C-alpha atoms as a PDB file:
ATOM      1  CA  MET A   1      42.010  85.805  55.147  1.00  0.00           C
ATOM      2  CA  SER A   2      44.849  87.897  53.724  1.00  0.00           C
ATOM      3  CA  GLU A   3      44.531  90.841  56.128  1.00  0.00           C
ATOM      4  CA  PHE A   4      43.309  91.558  59.646  1.00  0.00           C
ATOM      5  CA  GLN A   5      41.038  94.457  60.605  1.00  0.00           C
ATOM      6  CA  ASN A   6      40.806  96.342  63.926  1.00  0.00           C
ATOM      7  CA  VAL A   7      43.823  94.812  65.659  1.00  0.00           C
ATOM      8  CA  THR A   8      46.568  95.945  68.007  1.00  0.00           C
ATOM      9  CA  VAL A   9      50.126  95.125  66.938  1.00  0.00           C
ATOM     10  CA  THR A  10      52.996  94.934  69.402  1.00  0.00           C
ATOM     11  CA  LYS A  11      55.891  96.928  67.953  1.00  0.00           C
ATOM     12  CA  GLY A  12      58.660  94.897  69.553  1.00  0.00           C
ATOM     13  CA  ALA A  13      59.639  91.682  67.809  1.00  0.00           C
ATOM     14  CA  ASN A  14      59.624  88.235  69.364  1.00  0.00           C
ATOM     15  CA  ILE A  15      63.137  87.021  68.546  1.00  0.00           C
ATOM     16  CA  TYR A  16      64.209  83.372  68.775  1.00  0.00           C
ATOM     17  CA  PHE A  17      67.313  81.379  67.858  1.00  0.00           C
ATOM     18  CA  ASP A  18      69.644  84.407  67.574  1.00  0.00           C
ATOM     19  CA  GLY A  19      67.257  86.132  65.153  1.00  0.00           C
ATOM     20  CA  ALA A  20      66.675  83.190  62.823  1.00  0.00           C
ATOM     21  CA  VAL A  21      62.973  83.201  63.800  1.00  0.00           C
ATOM     22  CA  THR A  22      61.087  86.440  64.429  1.00  0.00           C
ATOM     23  CA  SER A  23      57.452  87.412  64.803  1.00  0.00           C
ATOM     24  CA  ARG A  24      55.114  90.228  65.804  1.00  0.00           C
ATOM     25  CA  THR A  25      52.148  89.751  68.140  1.00  0.00           C
ATOM     26  CA  ILE A  26      48.673  90.755  66.989  1.00  0.00           C
ATOM     27  CA  LYS A  27      45.746  91.070  69.403  1.00  0.00           C
ATOM     28  CA  PHE A  28      42.115  91.130  68.340  1.00  0.00           C
ATOM     29  CA  ALA A  29      39.224  92.907  70.098  1.00  0.00           C
ATOM     30  CA  ASP A  30      37.735  89.544  71.128  1.00  0.00           C
ATOM     31  CA  GLY A  31      40.975  88.580  72.945  1.00  0.00           C
ATOM     32  CA  GLU A  32      42.339  86.297  70.232  1.00  0.00           C
ATOM     33  CA  THR A  33      46.118  86.419  69.769  1.00  0.00           C
ATOM     34  CA  LYS A  34      48.174  85.575  66.694  1.00  0.00           C
ATOM     35  CA  THR A  35      51.764  86.069  65.642  1.00  0.00           C
ATOM     36  CA  LEU A  36      53.025  86.791  62.139  1.00  0.00           C
ATOM     37  CA  GLY A  37      56.602  85.781  61.541  1.00  0.00           C
ATOM     38  CA  ILE A  38      59.499  84.661  59.425  1.00  0.00           C
ATOM     39  CA  MET A  39      61.705  81.588  59.870  1.00  0.00           C
ATOM     40  CA  GLN A  40      65.079  81.349  58.178  1.00  0.00           C
ATOM     41  CA  PRO A  41      66.331  77.948  56.991  1.00  0.00           C
ATOM     42  CA  GLY A  42      67.400  75.734  59.885  1.00  0.00           C
ATOM     43  CA  GLU A  43      66.135  73.300  62.509  1.00  0.00           C
ATOM     44  CA  TYR A  44      64.246  74.491  65.578  1.00  0.00           C
ATOM     45  CA  HIS A  45      62.497  73.114  68.679  1.00  0.00           C
ATOM     46  CA  PHE A  46      59.472  75.002  70.039  1.00  0.00           C
ATOM     47  CA  SER A  47      57.418  74.495  73.199  1.00  0.00           C
ATOM     48  CA  THR A  48      53.762  75.454  73.446  1.00  0.00           C
ATOM     49  CA  GLY A  49      51.632  76.816  76.258  1.00  0.00           C
ATOM     50  CA  LYS A  50      48.319  77.067  74.449  1.00  0.00           C
ATOM     51  CA  ARG A  51      47.184  74.983  71.496  1.00  0.00           C
ATOM     52  CA  GLU A  52      48.626  76.457  68.284  1.00  0.00           C
ATOM     53  CA  LEU A  53      47.506  76.508  64.672  1.00  0.00           C
ATOM     54  CA  MET A  54      50.521  77.145  62.434  1.00  0.00           C
ATOM     55  CA  GLU A  55      49.684  78.360  58.929  1.00  0.00           C
ATOM     56  CA  ILE A  56      52.460  78.320  56.345  1.00  0.00           C
ATOM     57  CA  LEU A  57      51.916  81.458  54.243  1.00  0.00           C
ATOM     58  CA  SER A  58      54.951  80.868  52.006  1.00  0.00           C
ATOM     59  CA  GLY A  59      57.890  78.507  52.157  1.00  0.00           C
ATOM     60  CA  GLU A  60      58.330  74.860  53.057  1.00  0.00           C
ATOM     61  CA  VAL A  61      58.854  73.060  56.367  1.00  0.00           C
ATOM     62  CA  GLU A  62      58.979  69.560  57.794  1.00  0.00           C
ATOM     63  CA  VAL A  63      57.443  69.070  61.229  1.00  0.00           C
ATOM     64  CA  GLN A  64      57.646  66.342  63.835  1.00  0.00           C
ATOM     65  CA  LEU A  65      54.622  66.700  66.089  1.00  0.00           C
ATOM     66  CA  PRO A  66      54.381  65.470  69.691  1.00  0.00           C
ATOM     67  CA  GLY A  67      54.212  61.683  69.967  1.00  0.00           C
ATOM     68  CA  GLU A  68      55.010  61.144  66.292  1.00  0.00           C
ATOM     69  CA  THR A  69      58.132  59.574  64.793  1.00  0.00           C
ATOM     70  CA  GLN A  70      57.526  60.645  61.196  1.00  0.00           C
ATOM     71  CA  TRP A  71      58.242  64.080  59.758  1.00  0.00           C
ATOM     72  CA  ARG A  72      55.400  65.730  57.795  1.00  0.00           C
ATOM     73  CA  ARG A  73      55.933  68.269  55.015  1.00  0.00           C
ATOM     74  CA  TYR A  74      53.902  71.497  54.879  1.00  0.00           C
ATOM     75  CA  VAL A  75      54.040  74.114  52.129  1.00  0.00           C
ATOM     76  CA  SER A  76      52.399  77.437  51.338  1.00  0.00           C
ATOM     77  CA  GLY A  77      48.657  77.306  52.048  1.00  0.00           C
ATOM     78  CA  GLU A  78      48.869  74.370  54.473  1.00  0.00           C
ATOM     79  CA  SER A  79      48.630  74.338  58.278  1.00  0.00           C
ATOM     80  CA  PHE A  80      49.146  72.065  61.256  1.00  0.00           C
ATOM     81  CA  ASP A  81      47.945  71.929  64.881  1.00  0.00           C
ATOM     82  CA  VAL A  82      50.150  71.547  67.938  1.00  0.00           C
ATOM     83  CA  ALA A  83      48.672  70.481  71.274  1.00  0.00           C
ATOM     84  CA  ALA A  84      48.862  72.758  74.314  1.00  0.00           C
ATOM     85  CA  ASN A  85      51.705  72.213  76.780  1.00  0.00           C
ATOM     86  CA  SER A  86      53.772  70.198  74.335  1.00  0.00           C
ATOM     87  CA  ALA A  87      56.660  70.720  71.927  1.00  0.00           C
ATOM     88  CA  PHE A  88      57.483  70.167  68.275  1.00  0.00           C
ATOM     89  CA  ASP A  89      60.495  70.115  65.979  1.00  0.00           C
ATOM     90  CA  ILE A  90      60.582  71.952  62.685  1.00  0.00           C
ATOM     91  CA  LYS A  91      63.017  71.894  59.770  1.00  0.00           C
ATOM     92  CA  VAL A  92      62.751  74.991  57.610  1.00  0.00           C
ATOM     93  CA  ALA A  93      63.825  74.317  54.000  1.00  0.00           C
ATOM     94  CA  ASN A  94      63.701  77.912  52.775  1.00  0.00           C
ATOM     95  CA  LEU A  95      62.645  81.319  54.075  1.00  0.00           C
ATOM     96  CA  THR A  96      59.163  80.702  55.492  1.00  0.00           C
ATOM     97  CA  ASP A  97      56.413  83.209  56.294  1.00  0.00           C
ATOM     98  CA  TYR A  98      53.914  81.975  58.901  1.00  0.00           C
ATOM     99  CA  CYS A  99      50.915  82.881  61.023  1.00  0.00           C
ATOM    100  CA  CYS A 100      50.483  81.243  64.420  1.00  0.00           C
ATOM    101  CA  SER A 101      47.070  81.325  66.139  1.00  0.00           C
ATOM    102  CA  PHE A 102      46.920  80.648  69.879  1.00  0.00           C
ATOM    103  CA  ILE A 103      43.773  78.718  70.772  1.00  0.00           C
ATOM    104  CA  ASP A 104      42.205  78.505  74.257  1.00  0.00           C
END
């Protein structure tokens, strides 16, 4: 899906790592929440509350998921899941556009 219909967008940005990662929150009528964001090159550590589906819209990242020792590469058009109440590490190779879905 390349666009969302009938949503509410929060104007204020979610800003992480001194502005190297930013996103905007999108809420759907059915209660679903997503964020659309940009990550600049670098290495980051994120914690999760809910389960997350991270879609890489453009760019390239390497991710170390909870309980794993290997890094996995994801590029434009690919996605990965992160368990609720966990954390993951991500290395961003180049400017990366992403969509994060929060799953109950």
